[in-house]
């Protein structure tokens, strides 16, 4: 069996950690910064009054869609009426 020099192994491991820990920290900072910013933005939106403003916006959009649906229905009815008038003139 080969004798193991534990002090040399521990020295190499610590020397590697001295270099790897700062590199890992800098990498994590650049990798996690956009994620943390997006969570921060979500929290400010969901904070006090955040969900209420979103609910109001959704309700306004739903009302706008309902108005658009009504307008389309009226346009379809007017187009059908014009078609029927055109048929009556051809006869």
N, C-alpha and C. Protein backbone atom coordinates (compact mmCIF):
# COMPACT_ATOMS: atom_id res chain seq x y z
N UNK A 1 0.83 -1.18 0.00
CA UNK A 1 0.00 0.00 0.00
C UNK A 1 0.88 1.25 0.00
N UNK A 2 0.45 2.26 -0.75
CA UNK A 2 1.23 3.48 -0.87
C UNK A 2 0.85 4.42 0.28
N UNK A 3 1.82 4.99 0.94
CA UNK A 3 1.50 5.92 2.02
C UNK A 3 0.91 7.22 1.45
N UNK A 4 -0.09 7.75 2.13
CA UNK A 4 -0.79 8.95 1.68
C UNK A 4 -0.32 10.13 2.51
N UNK A 5 0.06 11.18 1.81
CA UNK A 5 0.49 12.40 2.50
C UNK A 5 -0.73 13.33 2.61
N UNK A 6 -1.41 13.24 3.73
CA UNK A 6 -2.66 13.99 3.93
C UNK A 6 -2.43 15.49 3.95
N UNK A 7 -1.35 15.94 4.43
CA UNK A 7 -1.10 17.38 4.46
C UNK A 7 -0.97 17.94 3.05
N UNK A 8 -0.38 17.19 2.15
CA UNK A 8 -0.26 17.65 0.76
C UNK A 8 -1.63 17.69 0.09
N UNK A 9 -2.44 16.67 0.36
CA UNK A 9 -3.79 16.62 -0.23
C UNK A 9 -4.63 17.78 0.28
N UNK A 10 -4.60 18.02 1.58
CA UNK A 10 -5.36 19.13 2.16
C UNK A 10 -4.85 20.46 1.62
N UNK A 11 -3.56 20.60 1.46
CA UNK A 11 -2.99 21.84 0.90
C UNK A 11 -3.46 22.08 -0.52
N UNK A 12 -3.48 21.04 -1.34
CA UNK A 12 -3.93 21.18 -2.73
C UNK A 12 -5.41 21.53 -2.78
N UNK A 13 -6.20 20.88 -1.93
CA UNK A 13 -7.65 21.15 -1.90
C UNK A 13 -7.90 22.60 -1.48
N UNK A 14 -7.24 23.08 -0.44
CA UNK A 14 -7.45 24.46 0.01
C UNK A 14 -6.94 25.46 -1.03
N UNK A 15 -5.86 25.15 -1.69
CA UNK A 15 -5.36 26.04 -2.74
C UNK A 15 -6.38 26.14 -3.87
N UNK A 16 -6.97 25.01 -4.22
CA UNK A 16 -8.01 25.03 -5.26
C UNK A 16 -9.24 25.80 -4.81
N UNK A 17 -9.61 25.64 -3.55
CA UNK A 17 -10.79 26.35 -3.03
C UNK A 17 -10.56 27.86 -2.99
N UNK A 18 -9.33 28.27 -2.71
CA UNK A 18 -9.02 29.70 -2.67
C UNK A 18 -9.30 30.34 -4.02
N UNK A 19 -9.08 29.61 -5.08
CA UNK A 19 -9.32 30.14 -6.42
C UNK A 19 -10.79 29.93 -6.82
N UNK A 20 -11.35 28.77 -6.53
CA UNK A 20 -12.69 28.42 -7.01
C UNK A 20 -13.82 29.16 -6.31
N UNK A 21 -13.69 29.45 -5.03
CA UNK A 21 -14.76 30.12 -4.31
C UNK A 21 -15.04 31.52 -4.87
N UNK A 22 -14.06 32.38 -5.08
CA UNK A 22 -14.37 33.69 -5.68
C UNK A 22 -14.91 33.58 -7.10
N UNK A 23 -14.37 32.65 -7.87
CA UNK A 23 -14.86 32.47 -9.24
C UNK A 23 -16.33 32.02 -9.22
N UNK A 24 -16.66 31.10 -8.34
CA UNK A 24 -18.05 30.64 -8.22
C UNK A 24 -18.95 31.77 -7.74
N UNK A 25 -18.47 32.60 -6.84
CA UNK A 25 -19.27 33.73 -6.35
C UNK A 25 -19.56 34.74 -7.44
N UNK A 26 -18.55 35.08 -8.22
CA UNK A 26 -18.75 36.04 -9.31
C UNK A 26 -19.69 35.46 -10.37
N UNK A 27 -19.52 34.19 -10.69
CA UNK A 27 -20.40 33.54 -11.67
C UNK A 27 -21.83 33.52 -11.16
N UNK A 28 -22.03 33.18 -9.91
CA UNK A 28 -23.38 33.14 -9.34
C UNK A 28 -24.01 34.53 -9.34
N UNK A 29 -23.21 35.55 -9.09
CA UNK A 29 -23.76 36.92 -9.08
C UNK A 29 -24.31 37.28 -10.44
N UNK A 30 -23.53 37.02 -11.49
CA UNK A 30 -23.99 37.37 -12.83
C UNK A 30 -25.12 36.47 -13.30
N UNK A 31 -25.15 35.24 -12.84
CA UNK A 31 -26.21 34.32 -13.26
C UNK A 31 -27.51 34.59 -12.51
N UNK A 32 -27.43 34.95 -11.26
CA UNK A 32 -28.63 35.11 -10.44
C UNK A 32 -29.20 36.52 -10.46
N UNK A 33 -28.44 37.51 -10.89
CA UNK A 33 -28.91 38.89 -10.85
C UNK A 33 -30.19 39.10 -11.65
N UNK A 34 -30.31 38.61 -12.89
CA UNK A 34 -31.57 38.81 -13.62
C UNK A 34 -32.76 38.10 -12.96
N UNK A 35 -32.51 36.94 -12.38
CA UNK A 35 -33.59 36.21 -11.72
C UNK A 35 -34.07 36.97 -10.49
N UNK A 36 -33.15 37.49 -9.72
CA UNK A 36 -33.51 38.25 -8.51
C UNK A 36 -34.26 39.53 -8.90
N UNK A 37 -33.83 40.19 -9.97
CA UNK A 37 -34.53 41.40 -10.41
C UNK A 37 -35.95 41.08 -10.85
N UNK A 38 -36.15 39.97 -11.55
CA UNK A 38 -37.51 39.62 -11.97
C UNK A 38 -38.39 39.30 -10.76
N UNK A 39 -37.84 38.61 -9.76
CA UNK A 39 -38.61 38.35 -8.54
C UNK A 39 -38.95 39.66 -7.82
N UNK A 40 -38.01 40.60 -7.81
CA UNK A 40 -38.25 41.88 -7.17
C UNK A 40 -39.37 42.64 -7.88
N UNK A 41 -39.37 42.61 -9.22
CA UNK A 41 -40.43 43.27 -9.97
C UNK A 41 -41.79 42.61 -9.73
N UNK A 42 -41.78 41.28 -9.67
CA UNK A 42 -43.04 40.57 -9.39
C UNK A 42 -43.57 40.94 -8.02
N UNK A 43 -42.68 41.05 -7.05
CA UNK A 43 -43.10 41.36 -5.69
C UNK A 43 -43.65 42.78 -5.60
N UNK A 44 -43.07 43.71 -6.34
CA UNK A 44 -43.60 45.08 -6.31
C UNK A 44 -44.96 45.14 -6.99
N UNK A 45 -45.17 44.32 -8.04
CA UNK A 45 -46.50 44.29 -8.67
C UNK A 45 -47.52 43.62 -7.77
N UNK A 46 -47.09 42.57 -7.08
CA UNK A 46 -48.01 41.83 -6.22
C UNK A 46 -48.10 42.42 -4.82
N UNK A 47 -47.41 43.51 -4.59
CA UNK A 47 -47.45 44.15 -3.28
C UNK A 47 -48.80 44.77 -3.01
N UNK A 48 -48.87 45.65 -2.04
CA UNK A 48 -50.15 46.26 -1.71
C UNK A 48 -50.70 47.03 -2.91
N UNK A 49 -51.89 46.65 -3.34
CA UNK A 49 -52.53 47.31 -4.47
C UNK A 49 -52.10 46.76 -5.81
N UNK A 50 -51.09 45.91 -5.84
CA UNK A 50 -50.59 45.36 -7.10
C UNK A 50 -51.59 44.45 -7.77
N UNK A 51 -52.18 43.55 -7.00
CA UNK A 51 -53.16 42.63 -7.58
C UNK A 51 -54.44 43.37 -7.94
N UNK A 52 -54.78 44.40 -7.17
CA UNK A 52 -56.00 45.16 -7.48
C UNK A 52 -55.85 45.89 -8.80
N UNK A 53 -54.68 46.45 -9.05
CA UNK A 53 -54.48 47.15 -10.32
C UNK A 53 -54.51 46.17 -11.48
N UNK A 54 -53.95 44.97 -11.27
CA UNK A 54 -54.01 43.96 -12.32
C UNK A 54 -55.44 43.52 -12.58
N UNK A 55 -56.22 43.37 -11.50
CA UNK A 55 -57.63 43.00 -11.66
C UNK A 55 -58.39 44.07 -12.43
N UNK A 56 -58.11 45.34 -12.11
CA UNK A 56 -58.78 46.42 -12.84
C UNK A 56 -58.40 46.41 -14.32
N UNK A 57 -57.14 46.15 -14.60
CA UNK A 57 -56.71 46.10 -15.99
C UNK A 57 -57.37 44.96 -16.74
N UNK A 58 -57.48 43.80 -16.09
CA UNK A 58 -58.13 42.65 -16.72
C UNK A 58 -59.61 42.94 -16.95
N UNK A 59 -60.27 43.55 -15.98
CA UNK A 59 -61.68 43.90 -16.15
C UNK A 59 -61.86 44.89 -17.29
N UNK A 60 -60.96 45.86 -17.41
CA UNK A 60 -61.05 46.83 -18.51
C UNK A 60 -60.85 46.14 -19.85
N UNK A 61 -59.92 45.21 -19.90
CA UNK A 61 -59.70 44.46 -21.14
C UNK A 61 -60.91 43.60 -21.49
N UNK A 62 -61.52 42.99 -20.48
CA UNK A 62 -62.72 42.18 -20.73
C UNK A 62 -63.86 43.04 -21.25
N UNK A 63 -64.02 44.23 -20.69
CA UNK A 63 -65.06 45.14 -21.17
C UNK A 63 -64.78 45.57 -22.60
N UNK A 64 -63.53 45.82 -22.90
CA UNK A 64 -63.15 46.21 -24.26
C UNK A 64 -63.43 45.08 -25.25
N UNK A 65 -63.15 43.86 -24.86
CA UNK A 65 -63.44 42.71 -25.73
C UNK A 65 -64.93 42.56 -25.94
N UNK A 66 -65.72 42.76 -24.88
CA UNK A 66 -67.17 42.68 -25.02
C UNK A 66 -67.67 43.75 -25.99
N UNK A 67 -67.14 44.96 -25.91
CA UNK A 67 -67.53 46.03 -26.83
C UNK A 67 -67.15 45.68 -28.27
N UNK A 68 -65.98 45.11 -28.45
CA UNK A 68 -65.55 44.70 -29.78
C UNK A 68 -66.46 43.60 -30.34
N UNK A 69 -66.85 42.65 -29.49
CA UNK A 69 -67.77 41.59 -29.92
C UNK A 69 -69.10 42.18 -30.37
N UNK A 70 -69.62 43.14 -29.60
CA UNK A 70 -70.88 43.78 -29.97
C UNK A 70 -70.74 44.53 -31.30
N UNK A 71 -69.63 45.21 -31.48
CA UNK A 71 -69.40 45.94 -32.73
C UNK A 71 -69.33 44.99 -33.92
N UNK A 72 -68.65 43.88 -33.75
CA UNK A 72 -68.56 42.89 -34.83
C UNK A 72 -69.94 42.33 -35.14
N UNK A 73 -70.73 42.04 -34.12
CA UNK A 73 -72.09 41.53 -34.35
C UNK A 73 -72.92 42.54 -35.12
N UNK A 74 -72.82 43.82 -34.75
CA UNK A 74 -73.57 44.85 -35.47
C UNK A 74 -73.10 44.98 -36.92
N UNK A 75 -71.80 44.86 -37.14
CA UNK A 75 -71.28 44.93 -38.50
C UNK A 75 -71.75 43.75 -39.34
N UNK A 76 -71.78 42.57 -38.75
CA UNK A 76 -72.27 41.39 -39.46
C UNK A 76 -73.75 41.57 -39.81
N UNK A 77 -74.53 42.08 -38.87
CA UNK A 77 -75.96 42.31 -39.14
C UNK A 77 -76.14 43.36 -40.24
N UNK A 78 -75.36 44.42 -40.21
CA UNK A 78 -75.46 45.46 -41.24
C UNK A 78 -75.05 44.90 -42.60
N UNK A 79 -74.03 44.07 -42.63
CA UNK A 79 -73.59 43.47 -43.89
C UNK A 79 -74.68 42.54 -44.44
N UNK A 80 -75.29 41.77 -43.58
CA UNK A 80 -76.38 40.88 -44.01
C UNK A 80 -77.56 41.71 -44.52
N UNK A 81 -77.87 42.80 -43.85
CA UNK A 81 -78.96 43.68 -44.29
C UNK A 81 -78.65 44.26 -45.67
N UNK A 82 -77.41 44.70 -45.87
CA UNK A 82 -77.01 45.23 -47.18
C UNK A 82 -77.11 44.16 -48.27
N UNK A 83 -76.75 42.93 -47.94
CA UNK A 83 -76.88 41.83 -48.90
C UNK A 83 -78.34 41.61 -49.29
N UNK A 84 -79.19 41.64 -48.29
CA UNK A 84 -80.61 41.43 -48.57
C UNK A 84 -81.18 42.58 -49.40
N UNK A 85 -80.73 43.80 -49.14
CA UNK A 85 -81.17 44.93 -49.96
C UNK A 85 -80.70 44.78 -51.40
N UNK A 86 -79.46 44.30 -51.58
CA UNK A 86 -78.92 44.10 -52.91
C UNK A 86 -79.68 43.04 -53.67
N UNK A 87 -80.13 41.99 -53.03
CA UNK A 87 -80.91 40.95 -53.67
C UNK A 87 -82.28 41.47 -54.09
N UNK A 88 -82.81 42.35 -53.26
CA UNK A 88 -84.15 42.89 -53.57
C UNK A 88 -84.12 43.79 -54.80
N UNK A 89 -83.03 44.51 -55.02
CA UNK A 89 -82.91 45.40 -56.16
C UNK A 89 -82.67 44.61 -57.45
N UNK A 90 -81.98 43.45 -57.36
CA UNK A 90 -81.68 42.65 -58.55
C UNK A 90 -82.96 42.00 -59.10
N UNK A 91 -83.96 41.74 -58.27
CA UNK A 91 -85.18 41.04 -58.72
C UNK A 91 -86.09 41.90 -59.50
